[in-house]
């Protein structure tokens, strides 16, 4: 059985597809020979067995780049013939000698220094692991020559292997700024000019000129399972039809979409040819037919939660998959199952899905300082439409026709049909960043918005968040609670609920240790109900504006973040929030 347990490491399919898309133009220009690029290129990887550097100057450009960044435990090694390749930094982190051996007269080296490890923190396994990993990277010992340029990036205050989006965005900006300053100050820069380009053309090369016509396309599978993937369908999605004009933008988009669909772990196109023609010998590495995942979280208000999920891509072929996700908690249990087919509509990836969901929720109800008996609700749902997966940093959309049947205390079993649509953007691989959803059914309607943005300012991470909601004849399980799953400072999660919500917060976090950050979050909001908009109802909390603050810390651990925060609000109430893991 081709199966594996999903890990918390980088998503191989997405990473490989991103590299293939970003390098596509260069890959087609090179057509297997990196010397034919406008600037000749070499990638350095490490032979896993011999620990010696492997200089790659031909073949598939995306594959070469992917091999050169295969950092152990973060990315999987890649296989080249009979050799397994990993990150080139483990054998030659600054391959100056390799560059000189290829004829480089002047070498530019971009260094990313890291702060020395804190010896007093070596009792922390993560700190020790990072320190040990740093010792694996080796320079080749080459000394700089006159005219060489060394760019020293100010990265000492950044952690190794921290892939937080705000951190990586800051590093990218820092790299651009440092490089611009270095190039502006260097007197040895000689850009490629028209004379160079003309010389290349005069020498009979196609350097810098993209081929325009697709020649032969011969498929090679990444393993022996000839029926593991519908290669003809994927070639069509990529726009690689022999005899047609090469459409680079279309193939770039299709490669990215293929990575998001998780049907393959890698697609290496292996272009070749000469003149206006380009041929391809794509290698498809099929994703595992079956994958499984598990997650846990704990909250002192909502108790523990567990989810177990699995996906099976052998239902029909690699263009369709079946998935089941079950969630178990003290107050909510549900099971979701769907079948999804991946289709290509004019170069756009469209994941069409049909499925069903069953749920039971014990809705906690509060009155004053006490708690009322829970409202036991049951729900069944059938849906058909477009169902995508969240992608960190990118807006996605989905829409479906819904049929719902539910029952709540004091009501008969109800049924309703309608449309559900949403747009969303994930903050990272574990948390949703923003979500806007509309649910229009014959029996009730609901519109909700939860958006946030994170920026880093002078070492402080600031998250601005806004929530708003409106509903008509909402069942109790669909009502809004102040602050959503995070609740509100000084209140129990779910303590105030209604058919309208307005909420905003600003959370500041500053790191004080490698795995620890202090947090302060100010917030304000209100819950409303009835026909008015947040109208005040005397003697109740409906329409009352709450203002509060939470102060505490968040620790990064192998099982996810641990949050401990004390909350206060303008009603003189206080409540402690303790949460372990990523809430779902």
Protein backbone atom coordinates (compact mmCIF):
# COMPACT_ATOMS: atom_id res chain seq x y z
CA UNK A 1 0.00 0.00 0.00
CA UNK A 2 1.39 3.40 -0.98
CA UNK A 3 0.60 5.41 2.16
CA UNK A 4 2.27 7.71 4.63
CA UNK A 5 1.48 9.78 7.72
CA UNK A 6 1.30 13.50 7.02
CA UNK A 7 4.00 15.35 8.97
CA UNK A 8 4.51 18.95 9.98
CA UNK A 9 7.40 19.37 7.54
CA UNK A 10 7.16 21.45 4.38
CA UNK A 11 4.48 20.41 1.90
CA UNK A 12 6.53 18.70 -0.78
CA UNK A 13 4.04 19.07 -3.62
CA UNK A 14 3.54 22.80 -3.11
CA UNK A 15 7.25 23.52 -2.67
CA UNK A 16 8.28 21.55 -5.75
CA UNK A 17 5.50 23.07 -7.87
CA UNK A 18 6.44 26.59 -6.76
CA UNK A 19 10.08 26.03 -7.73
CA UNK A 20 9.05 24.51 -11.08
CA UNK A 21 6.78 27.49 -11.80
CA UNK A 22 9.30 30.17 -10.78
CA UNK A 23 12.13 28.60 -12.81
CA UNK A 24 10.06 27.66 -15.86
CA UNK A 25 11.34 30.44 -18.14
CA UNK A 26 14.94 29.75 -17.22
CA UNK A 27 14.35 26.02 -17.57
CA UNK A 28 12.98 26.42 -21.09
CA UNK A 29 15.78 28.81 -22.02
CA UNK A 30 18.43 26.39 -20.81
CA UNK A 31 16.84 23.31 -22.41
CA UNK A 32 19.07 21.09 -20.31
CA UNK A 33 22.28 23.15 -20.59
CA UNK A 34 22.75 25.75 -17.85
CA UNK A 35 25.62 27.35 -19.80
CA UNK A 36 23.10 28.54 -22.40
CA UNK A 37 21.36 30.82 -19.90
CA UNK A 38 22.01 34.60 -20.17
CA UNK A 39 24.13 34.15 -17.03
CA UNK A 40 25.57 30.62 -16.82
CA UNK A 41 24.37 28.86 -13.68
CA UNK A 42 25.39 26.02 -11.39
CA UNK A 43 23.53 24.49 -8.43
CA UNK A 44 25.44 22.84 -5.60
CA UNK A 45 23.98 19.86 -3.78
CA UNK A 46 25.51 17.26 -1.47
CA UNK A 47 25.82 13.54 -2.13
CA UNK A 48 24.11 12.08 0.93
CA UNK A 49 26.32 9.00 0.97
CA UNK A 50 29.76 10.52 0.33
CA UNK A 51 29.02 13.97 1.84
CA UNK A 52 30.83 15.49 -1.15
CA UNK A 53 29.52 18.44 -3.15
CA UNK A 54 27.70 17.69 -6.40
CA UNK A 55 27.88 20.46 -9.00
CA UNK A 56 24.81 20.41 -11.27
CA UNK A 57 25.09 22.19 -14.62
CA UNK A 58 22.63 20.36 -16.81
CA UNK A 59 19.27 18.62 -16.74
CA UNK A 60 16.11 20.10 -15.30
CA UNK A 61 16.74 23.53 -13.75
CA UNK A 62 13.93 23.25 -11.20
CA UNK A 63 15.21 19.85 -10.07
CA UNK A 64 18.72 21.27 -9.62
CA UNK A 65 17.44 24.15 -7.49
CA UNK A 66 15.25 21.80 -5.45
CA UNK A 67 18.19 19.47 -4.77
CA UNK A 68 20.35 22.36 -3.63
CA UNK A 69 17.89 23.37 -0.85
CA UNK A 70 17.00 19.88 0.45
CA UNK A 71 17.75 20.69 4.09
CA UNK A 72 17.36 17.46 6.11
CA UNK A 73 14.24 17.17 8.29
CA UNK A 74 12.68 20.16 6.50
CA UNK A 75 12.69 18.96 2.88
CA UNK A 76 12.96 15.42 1.60
CA UNK A 77 16.15 14.46 -0.26
CA UNK A 78 15.85 14.04 -4.03
CA UNK A 79 17.03 11.09 -6.06
CA UNK A 80 19.28 11.61 -9.09
CA UNK A 81 19.99 8.33 -10.89
CA UNK A 82 21.40 6.18 -8.06
CA UNK A 83 22.37 9.12 -5.83
CA UNK A 84 20.40 10.85 -3.09
CA UNK A 85 21.05 14.60 -2.94
CA UNK A 86 20.58 17.03 -0.05
CA UNK A 87 21.32 20.70 0.67
CA UNK A 88 24.62 21.84 -0.82
CA UNK A 89 25.40 23.86 2.28
CA UNK A 90 26.22 20.64 4.14
CA UNK A 91 29.31 20.16 1.97
CA UNK A 92 30.04 23.60 0.51
CA UNK A 93 27.95 26.38 2.01
CA UNK A 94 29.87 29.07 0.09
CA UNK A 95 31.10 27.23 -3.01
CA UNK A 96 33.71 29.81 -4.01
CA UNK A 97 36.18 27.14 -5.18
CA UNK A 98 33.56 25.66 -7.50
CA UNK A 99 32.88 29.08 -9.01
CA UNK A 100 36.59 29.73 -9.63
CA UNK A 101 37.03 26.29 -11.19
CA UNK A 102 34.36 27.25 -13.72
CA UNK A 103 36.26 30.39 -14.71
CA UNK A 104 34.78 33.06 -12.41
CA UNK A 105 37.15 36.04 -12.23
CA UNK A 106 35.23 37.87 -9.53
CA UNK A 107 33.09 36.29 -6.81
CA UNK A 108 30.20 37.83 -4.92
CA UNK A 109 29.34 36.05 -1.67
CA UNK A 110 26.12 36.71 0.25
CA UNK A 111 26.49 35.65 3.87
CA UNK A 112 23.68 35.06 6.37
CA UNK A 113 25.30 35.13 9.81
CA UNK A 114 23.46 33.71 12.81
CA UNK A 115 23.91 34.69 16.44
CA UNK A 116 25.95 32.24 18.52
CA UNK A 117 23.76 29.87 20.53
CA UNK A 118 23.00 30.68 24.14
CA UNK A 119 24.86 28.02 26.11
CA UNK A 120 22.52 28.56 29.07
CA UNK A 121 19.60 27.47 26.90
CA UNK A 122 21.03 24.12 25.77
CA UNK A 123 18.63 22.33 28.10
CA UNK A 124 15.93 23.34 25.57
CA UNK A 125 15.76 20.57 22.90
CA UNK A 126 14.80 23.03 20.14
CA UNK A 127 17.69 25.36 20.93
CA UNK A 128 20.09 22.42 21.01
CA UNK A 129 18.73 21.06 17.71
CA UNK A 130 19.19 24.43 16.00
CA UNK A 131 22.75 24.71 17.33
CA UNK A 132 23.59 21.20 16.11
CA UNK A 133 22.12 21.93 12.70
CA UNK A 134 24.30 25.03 12.35
CA UNK A 135 27.41 22.89 12.86
CA UNK A 136 26.54 20.81 9.78
CA UNK A 137 27.11 23.64 7.30
CA UNK A 138 30.66 23.78 5.91
CA UNK A 139 32.54 26.38 3.90
CA UNK A 140 35.05 25.28 1.28
CA UNK A 141 37.85 27.28 2.92
CA UNK A 142 38.51 29.57 -0.04
CA UNK A 143 39.92 33.01 0.74
CA UNK A 144 38.61 36.14 -1.03
CA UNK A 145 40.67 37.68 -3.85
CA UNK A 146 41.14 41.33 -4.71
CA UNK A 147 37.93 42.54 -6.35
CA UNK A 148 35.70 39.97 -4.66
CA UNK A 149 32.66 41.33 -2.86
CA UNK A 150 31.18 39.95 0.37
CA UNK A 151 27.65 40.96 1.29
CA UNK A 152 26.98 40.55 4.98
CA UNK A 153 23.25 40.47 5.70
CA UNK A 154 22.22 41.62 9.22
CA UNK A 155 20.44 38.38 10.12
CA UNK A 156 21.91 37.69 13.56
CA UNK A 157 18.62 38.44 15.32
CA UNK A 158 16.58 35.99 13.22
CA UNK A 159 16.04 32.38 14.23
CA UNK A 160 17.05 29.49 12.05
CA UNK A 161 14.18 27.42 10.61
CA UNK A 162 11.52 29.95 11.60
CA UNK A 163 9.16 29.93 8.62
CA UNK A 164 6.62 32.34 10.10
CA UNK A 165 5.29 34.38 7.16
CA UNK A 166 5.94 37.74 8.81
CA UNK A 167 9.53 36.69 9.54
CA UNK A 168 10.20 35.41 6.02
CA UNK A 169 8.71 38.56 4.50
CA UNK A 170 11.02 40.64 6.70
CA UNK A 171 14.03 38.58 5.57
CA UNK A 172 13.13 39.02 1.91
CA UNK A 173 12.87 42.79 2.30
CA UNK A 174 16.14 42.82 4.23
CA UNK A 175 17.85 40.83 1.49
CA UNK A 176 16.69 43.22 -1.23
CA UNK A 177 17.81 46.27 0.73
CA UNK A 178 21.22 44.80 1.54
CA UNK A 179 21.80 43.68 -2.05
CA UNK A 180 20.80 47.08 -3.48
CA UNK A 181 23.23 48.82 -1.16
CA UNK A 182 26.02 46.41 -2.07
CA UNK A 183 25.49 46.80 -5.82
CA UNK A 184 25.25 50.58 -5.54
CA UNK A 185 28.58 50.74 -3.70
CA UNK A 186 30.45 48.31 -5.95
CA UNK A 187 32.49 49.74 -8.78
CA UNK A 188 32.98 46.37 -10.46
CA UNK A 189 29.44 45.80 -11.69
CA UNK A 190 29.26 45.26 -15.44
CA UNK A 191 25.68 44.53 -16.51
CA UNK A 192 24.87 42.40 -19.52
CA UNK A 193 24.56 44.85 -22.43
CA UNK A 194 23.37 44.70 -25.99
CA UNK A 195 26.87 43.93 -27.23
CA UNK A 196 26.99 40.81 -25.07
CA UNK A 197 23.59 39.73 -26.36
CA UNK A 198 24.57 40.41 -29.97
CA UNK A 199 27.77 38.46 -29.47
CA UNK A 200 25.79 35.50 -28.24
CA UNK A 201 23.59 35.63 -31.32
CA UNK A 202 26.60 35.98 -33.59
CA UNK A 203 28.10 32.86 -32.05
CA UNK A 204 25.02 30.91 -33.10
CA UNK A 205 23.47 30.48 -29.65
CA UNK A 206 19.86 31.08 -28.56
CA UNK A 207 20.86 32.68 -25.28
CA UNK A 208 17.98 34.75 -23.93
CA UNK A 209 15.50 33.76 -26.67
CA UNK A 210 12.55 31.60 -25.60
CA UNK A 211 11.56 28.76 -27.95
CA UNK A 212 8.05 29.09 -29.32
CA UNK A 213 6.94 25.65 -30.51
CA UNK A 214 6.38 22.45 -28.52
CA UNK A 215 8.03 19.40 -30.04
CA UNK A 216 7.72 15.86 -28.76
CA UNK A 217 6.53 15.13 -25.22
CA UNK A 218 7.66 11.76 -23.87
CA UNK A 219 6.49 10.84 -20.36
CA UNK A 220 8.68 9.19 -17.75
CA UNK A 221 7.17 8.18 -14.42
CA UNK A 222 9.07 8.75 -11.21
CA UNK A 223 8.44 5.16 -10.08
CA UNK A 224 7.41 1.82 -11.50
CA UNK A 225 3.68 2.25 -10.87
CA UNK A 226 2.61 2.94 -14.44
CA UNK A 227 -1.03 3.29 -13.43
CA UNK A 228 -0.34 5.60 -10.50
CA UNK A 229 -1.07 8.78 -12.38
CA UNK A 230 -3.04 9.98 -15.38
CA UNK A 231 -0.06 11.48 -17.18
CA UNK A 232 -1.99 12.37 -20.35
CA UNK A 233 -4.44 14.48 -18.33
CA UNK A 234 -1.65 16.29 -16.50
CA UNK A 235 0.21 17.02 -19.75
CA UNK A 236 -2.98 18.53 -21.13
CA UNK A 237 -3.43 20.65 -17.98
CA UNK A 238 0.15 21.91 -18.32
CA UNK A 239 -0.53 22.94 -21.93
CA UNK A 240 2.26 20.75 -23.34
CA UNK A 241 0.52 19.55 -26.50
CA UNK A 242 3.01 18.66 -29.29
CA UNK A 243 2.89 21.01 -32.25
CA UNK A 244 1.27 23.89 -30.35
CA UNK A 245 2.73 27.23 -29.37
CA UNK A 246 4.43 27.27 -25.99
CA UNK A 247 2.36 29.31 -23.51
CA UNK A 248 4.73 29.95 -20.60
CA UNK A 249 2.26 31.90 -18.38
CA UNK A 250 -0.33 29.13 -18.73
CA UNK A 251 2.17 26.42 -17.79
CA UNK A 252 3.41 28.48 -14.83
CA UNK A 253 -0.14 28.77 -13.48
CA UNK A 254 -0.86 25.11 -14.16
CA UNK A 255 2.27 23.98 -12.30
CA UNK A 256 1.24 26.01 -9.25
CA UNK A 257 -2.30 24.61 -9.39
CA UNK A 258 -0.96 21.07 -9.71
CA UNK A 259 1.06 21.54 -6.53
CA UNK A 260 -2.01 22.78 -4.68
CA UNK A 261 -4.04 19.78 -5.82
CA UNK A 262 -1.53 17.46 -4.09
CA UNK A 263 -1.82 14.89 -6.87
CA UNK A 264 1.94 14.79 -7.32
CA UNK A 265 4.97 15.36 -5.16
CA UNK A 266 6.97 16.71 -8.07
CA UNK A 267 6.87 17.46 -11.80
CA UNK A 268 10.25 17.86 -13.50
CA UNK A 269 9.75 18.88 -17.15
CA UNK A 270 13.27 18.16 -18.48
CA UNK A 271 13.12 20.46 -21.54
CA UNK A 272 15.50 19.95 -24.46
CA UNK A 273 15.69 20.80 -28.15
CA UNK A 274 17.17 23.58 -30.29
CA UNK A 275 16.10 26.53 -32.39
CA UNK A 276 12.42 27.47 -32.03
CA UNK A 277 11.46 23.98 -30.77
CA UNK A 278 11.43 22.71 -27.23
CA UNK A 279 10.82 19.07 -26.31
CA UNK A 280 9.81 17.76 -22.90
CA UNK A 281 10.38 14.54 -21.04
CA UNK A 282 8.32 15.21 -17.90
CA UNK A 283 8.91 13.07 -14.85
CA UNK A 284 5.85 12.81 -12.60
CA UNK A 285 6.41 11.66 -9.04
CA UNK A 286 2.93 10.62 -7.86
CA UNK A 287 1.80 11.60 -4.39
CA UNK A 288 1.08 8.74 -1.98
CA UNK A 289 -2.24 7.11 -2.76
CA UNK A 290 -3.22 7.39 0.88
CA UNK A 291 -2.22 9.92 3.54
CA UNK A 292 -3.32 10.35 7.15
CA UNK A 293 -3.11 13.11 9.73
CA UNK A 294 -4.00 13.74 13.34
CA UNK A 295 -4.21 16.87 15.51
CA UNK A 296 -5.00 17.68 19.11
CA UNK A 297 -5.72 20.86 21.04
CA UNK A 298 -6.80 21.81 24.56
CA UNK A 299 -8.62 24.81 25.95
CA UNK A 300 -9.67 25.19 29.61
CA UNK A 301 -13.03 26.57 28.46
CA UNK A 302 -13.81 24.10 25.68
CA UNK A 303 -11.73 21.15 26.95
CA UNK A 304 -9.85 18.86 24.55
CA UNK A 305 -10.35 18.39 20.84
CA UNK A 306 -9.05 15.73 18.46
CA UNK A 307 -9.23 15.47 14.70
CA UNK A 308 -8.30 12.55 12.50
CA UNK A 309 -8.25 12.85 8.73
CA UNK A 310 -7.37 10.73 5.75
CA UNK A 311 -7.31 11.00 1.98
CA UNK A 312 -7.47 8.25 -0.63
CA UNK A 313 -6.49 9.09 -4.21
CA UNK A 314 -7.16 5.59 -5.56
CA UNK A 315 -10.95 6.02 -5.77
CA UNK A 316 -10.82 6.46 -9.54
CA UNK A 317 -7.50 7.92 -10.65
CA UNK A 318 -5.14 10.69 -9.63
CA UNK A 319 -7.67 13.30 -10.76
CA UNK A 320 -10.13 12.39 -8.01
CA UNK A 321 -9.80 11.79 -4.30
CA UNK A 322 -11.94 10.89 -1.32
CA UNK A 323 -11.36 12.45 2.09
CA UNK A 324 -12.77 11.89 5.56
CA UNK A 325 -12.21 14.19 8.55
CA UNK A 326 -13.58 13.36 11.99
CA UNK A 327 -13.51 15.76 14.95
CA UNK A 328 -14.11 14.80 18.56
CA UNK A 329 -14.47 17.15 21.50
CA UNK A 330 -16.27 17.52 24.79
CA UNK A 331 -18.87 19.84 23.22
CA UNK A 332 -18.76 19.05 19.50
CA UNK A 333 -18.38 15.96 17.34
CA UNK A 334 -18.56 15.84 13.56
CA UNK A 335 -17.58 13.77 10.56
CA UNK A 336 -17.08 15.16 7.08
CA UNK A 337 -16.64 13.11 3.94
CA UNK A 338 -16.35 14.23 0.33
CA UNK A 339 -15.14 13.19 -3.10
CA UNK A 340 -13.29 15.82 -5.09
CA UNK A 341 -12.36 15.82 -8.78
CA UNK A 342 -9.64 18.12 -10.12
CA UNK A 343 -10.59 19.73 -13.41
CA UNK A 344 -8.91 22.27 -15.65
CA UNK A 345 -11.05 25.12 -17.00
CA UNK A 346 -9.06 27.25 -19.44
CA UNK A 347 -5.89 26.81 -17.44
CA UNK A 348 -7.55 27.39 -14.06
CA UNK A 349 -7.58 24.60 -11.52
CA UNK A 350 -11.16 23.92 -10.34
CA UNK A 351 -11.66 21.39 -7.50
CA UNK A 352 -15.25 20.15 -7.81
CA UNK A 353 -16.53 18.30 -4.75
CA UNK A 354 -19.60 16.53 -3.42
CA UNK A 355 -19.96 15.38 0.14
CA UNK A 356 -21.83 15.09 3.40
CA UNK A 357 -21.37 16.19 7.01
CA UNK A 358 -22.93 14.99 10.27
CA UNK A 359 -22.50 16.97 13.49
CA UNK A 360 -23.61 17.06 17.11
CA UNK A 361 -22.92 20.11 19.26
CA UNK A 362 -23.63 20.77 22.91
CA UNK A 363 -23.96 24.54 22.81
CA UNK A 364 -22.97 26.11 26.12
CA UNK A 365 -25.43 28.72 27.37
CA UNK A 366 -24.78 31.28 30.10
CA UNK A 367 -26.90 33.66 32.12
CA UNK A 368 -25.33 36.18 34.43
CA UNK A 369 -22.54 34.46 36.33
CA UNK A 370 -24.03 30.99 35.95
CA UNK A 371 -24.30 28.37 33.24
CA UNK A 372 -27.56 26.99 31.88
CA UNK A 373 -28.11 23.46 30.57
CA UNK A 374 -26.44 22.92 27.21
CA UNK A 375 -28.51 23.12 24.03
CA UNK A 376 -28.11 19.77 22.28
CA UNK A 377 -28.17 20.18 18.48
CA UNK A 378 -27.88 17.71 15.61
CA UNK A 379 -27.25 18.52 11.98
CA UNK A 380 -26.87 16.77 8.63
CA UNK A 381 -25.65 18.38 5.42
CA UNK A 382 -25.21 17.50 1.75
CA UNK A 383 -23.25 19.79 -0.55
CA UNK A 384 -22.03 20.04 -4.12
CA UNK A 385 -19.74 22.71 -5.49
CA UNK A 386 -16.19 23.99 -5.62
CA UNK A 387 -14.10 23.17 -2.55
CA UNK A 388 -10.50 24.36 -2.33
CA UNK A 389 -7.78 24.08 0.29
CA UNK A 390 -6.38 27.08 2.17
CA UNK A 391 -3.06 28.37 0.86
CA UNK A 392 -0.90 30.53 3.15
CA UNK A 393 -0.80 34.11 1.92
CA UNK A 394 -3.19 33.60 -1.03
CA UNK A 395 -6.90 34.32 -1.29
CA UNK A 396 -8.99 31.30 -2.26
CA UNK A 397 -12.71 30.90 -2.89
CA UNK A 398 -15.32 28.18 -2.70
CA UNK A 399 -19.04 27.88 -3.34
CA UNK A 400 -21.59 25.11 -2.96
CA UNK A 401 -25.22 24.18 -3.10
CA UNK A 402 -26.26 23.13 0.42
CA UNK A 403 -29.03 20.96 1.79
CA UNK A 404 -29.27 21.05 5.59
CA UNK A 405 -31.39 19.20 8.13
CA UNK A 406 -31.07 20.11 11.82
CA UNK A 407 -32.74 19.90 15.19
CA UNK A 408 -32.35 22.07 18.27
CA UNK A 409 -34.10 22.14 21.69
CA UNK A 410 -37.67 23.39 21.49
CA UNK A 411 -37.89 23.04 17.71
CA UNK A 412 -38.95 20.35 15.29
CA UNK A 413 -36.55 18.91 12.78
CA UNK A 414 -36.02 21.57 10.11
CA UNK A 415 -34.73 21.37 6.55
CA UNK A 416 -33.38 24.03 4.27
CA UNK A 417 -31.62 24.46 0.93
CA UNK A 418 -29.53 27.25 -0.49
CA UNK A 419 -26.08 28.51 -1.38
CA UNK A 420 -22.88 28.86 0.63
CA UNK A 421 -19.95 30.91 -0.66
CA UNK A 422 -16.72 32.12 0.92
CA UNK A 423 -13.34 33.65 0.26
CA UNK A 424 -10.48 32.94 2.64
CA UNK A 425 -6.76 33.26 3.17
CA UNK A 426 -4.68 31.08 5.48
CA UNK A 427 -2.15 32.72 7.78
CA UNK A 428 0.10 29.66 7.69
CA UNK A 429 -0.21 25.89 7.38
CA UNK A 430 -2.10 25.66 10.67
CA UNK A 431 -4.27 28.75 11.13
CA UNK A 432 -6.83 30.60 9.05
CA UNK A 433 -5.96 34.27 8.67
CA UNK A 434 -9.09 35.72 7.05
CA UNK A 435 -12.47 34.36 6.08
CA UNK A 436 -15.59 35.97 4.60
CA UNK A 437 -18.61 33.70 4.24
CA UNK A 438 -22.21 34.05 3.10
CA UNK A 439 -24.86 31.41 3.76
CA UNK A 440 -28.24 31.98 2.10
CA UNK A 441 -30.75 29.23 2.86
CA UNK A 442 -34.52 29.19 2.62
CA UNK A 443 -34.86 29.01 6.41
CA UNK A 444 -32.08 31.32 7.62
CA UNK A 445 -29.30 33.56 6.34
CA UNK A 446 -25.87 34.35 7.75
CA UNK A 447 -23.06 36.71 6.70
CA UNK A 448 -19.76 36.71 8.57
CA UNK A 449 -16.34 38.28 8.28
CA UNK A 450 -13.17 37.55 10.23
CA UNK A 451 -10.09 39.25 8.75
CA UNK A 452 -6.66 39.95 10.18
CA UNK A 453 -3.29 41.26 9.14
CA UNK A 454 0.12 40.80 10.76
CA UNK A 455 3.02 43.22 10.42
CA UNK A 456 6.40 43.35 12.14
CA UNK A 457 7.49 46.72 13.55
CA UNK A 458 10.86 47.06 15.29
CA UNK A 459 10.86 43.52 16.58
CA UNK A 460 7.20 43.60 17.62
CA UNK A 461 4.66 41.49 15.77
CA UNK A 462 1.34 43.33 15.51
CA UNK A 463 -1.89 41.59 14.49
CA UNK A 464 -4.93 43.72 13.72
CA UNK A 465 -8.17 41.74 13.61
CA UNK A 466 -11.78 42.62 12.80
CA UNK A 467 -14.94 40.49 13.00
CA UNK A 468 -18.45 41.34 11.90
CA UNK A 469 -21.56 39.23 11.52
CA UNK A 470 -25.25 39.42 10.73
CA UNK A 471 -27.87 36.71 10.75
CA UNK A 472 -31.59 36.20 10.26
CA UNK A 473 -33.48 33.45 12.14
CA UNK A 474 -30.22 31.74 13.06
CA UNK A 475 -30.31 28.32 14.79
CA UNK A 476 -28.47 28.42 18.10
CA UNK A 477 -25.42 26.57 16.73
CA UNK A 478 -24.97 29.27 14.06
CA UNK A 479 -25.19 32.28 16.39
CA UNK A 480 -22.21 34.59 16.80
CA UNK A 481 -20.13 34.58 19.98
CA UNK A 482 -18.07 37.60 20.97
CA UNK A 483 -14.52 37.12 19.68
CA UNK A 484 -15.28 33.78 18.03
CA UNK A 485 -13.12 30.80 18.94
CA UNK A 486 -10.65 33.06 20.80
CA UNK A 487 -13.37 34.55 22.98
CA UNK A 488 -13.17 37.91 24.72
CA UNK A 489 -10.97 39.17 27.54
CA UNK A 490 -12.51 38.54 30.96
CA UNK A 491 -15.32 36.34 29.57
CA UNK A 492 -15.79 32.65 29.09
CA UNK A 493 -15.67 31.55 25.45
CA UNK A 494 -19.22 31.58 24.10
CA UNK A 495 -20.57 33.45 27.11
CA UNK A 496 -22.36 36.09 25.00
CA UNK A 497 -24.09 35.05 21.78
CA UNK A 498 -26.56 36.53 19.33
CA UNK A 499 -27.37 37.17 15.68
CA UNK A 500 -25.01 40.13 15.19
CA UNK A 501 -21.40 40.78 16.10
CA UNK A 502 -18.91 43.64 15.86
CA UNK A 503 -15.40 43.07 17.18
CA UNK A 504 -11.88 44.42 16.73
CA UNK A 505 -8.56 43.76 18.43
CA UNK A 506 -4.87 44.60 18.28
CA UNK A 507 -2.43 41.97 19.52
CA UNK A 508 1.24 42.83 20.12
CA UNK A 509 3.83 40.09 20.60
CA UNK A 510 7.53 40.49 21.33
CA UNK A 511 9.95 37.61 21.49
CA UNK A 512 11.97 37.51 24.70
CA UNK A 513 13.53 34.07 24.24
CA UNK A 514 13.99 31.74 21.24
CA UNK A 515 10.72 29.94 21.96
CA UNK A 516 8.87 32.47 24.10
CA UNK A 517 7.06 35.72 23.35
CA UNK A 518 5.15 38.13 25.57
CA UNK A 519 1.71 39.19 24.33
CA UNK A 520 -0.67 42.07 24.95
CA UNK A 521 -4.04 42.22 23.18
CA UNK A 522 -6.55 45.03 23.45
CA UNK A 523 -10.07 44.47 22.14
CA UNK A 524 -13.56 45.91 21.91
CA UNK A 525 -16.84 44.49 20.67
CA UNK A 526 -20.54 43.87 21.10
CA UNK A 527 -23.19 41.24 20.36
CA UNK A 528 -26.69 42.08 19.13
CA UNK A 529 -29.91 40.27 18.30
CA UNK A 530 -33.31 40.97 16.76
CA UNK A 531 -34.08 43.32 13.90
CA UNK A 532 -31.95 46.25 15.08
CA UNK A 533 -28.20 46.61 14.67
CA UNK A 534 -26.51 46.08 18.05
CA UNK A 535 -29.39 47.70 19.87
CA UNK A 536 -29.01 47.90 23.64
CA UNK A 537 -31.34 45.62 25.64
CA UNK A 538 -31.55 46.80 29.22
CA UNK A 539 -30.75 44.26 31.90
CA UNK A 540 -28.78 42.04 29.53
CA UNK A 541 -25.40 41.99 27.83
CA UNK A 542 -27.03 42.35 24.40
CA UNK A 543 -25.84 45.56 22.74
CA UNK A 544 -23.40 46.32 25.56
CA UNK A 545 -19.96 47.44 24.33
CA UNK A 546 -17.18 45.46 25.99
CA UNK A 547 -13.61 46.72 26.19
CA UNK A 548 -10.87 44.45 27.46
CA UNK A 549 -7.22 43.43 27.41
CA UNK A 550 -5.34 40.17 27.64
CA UNK A 551 -1.76 39.92 28.89
CA UNK A 552 0.35 36.78 28.91
CA UNK A 553 2.81 34.74 26.91
CA UNK A 554 2.95 32.22 24.10
CA UNK A 555 5.52 29.44 23.91
CA UNK A 556 6.45 27.54 20.74
CA UNK A 557 6.62 23.79 21.33
CA UNK A 558 6.77 20.63 19.17
CA UNK A 559 3.02 20.12 19.77
CA UNK A 560 2.13 23.66 18.77
CA UNK A 561 1.85 26.95 20.65
CA UNK A 562 0.96 27.14 24.34
CA UNK A 563 -0.91 30.30 25.33
CA UNK A 564 -1.45 31.48 28.90
CA UNK A 565 -3.15 34.87 29.09
CA UNK A 566 -5.07 36.72 31.79
CA UNK A 567 -8.00 38.81 30.55
CA UNK A 568 -9.77 41.85 32.05
CA UNK A 569 -12.69 43.92 30.78
CA UNK A 570 -14.76 47.00 31.63
CA UNK A 571 -17.34 44.95 33.59
CA UNK A 572 -14.68 44.16 36.21
CA UNK A 573 -14.63 40.51 35.11
CA UNK A 574 -11.45 38.56 34.60
CA UNK A 575 -10.74 35.16 33.08
CA UNK A 576 -7.62 33.09 32.38
CA UNK A 577 -7.15 31.62 28.89
CA UNK A 578 -5.02 28.48 28.68
CA UNK A 579 -4.73 26.92 25.24
CA UNK A 580 -2.44 24.18 23.92
CA UNK A 581 -2.04 23.56 20.20
CA UNK A 582 -3.66 25.09 17.14
CA UNK A 583 -7.40 25.47 17.73
CA UNK A 584 -9.74 24.05 15.09
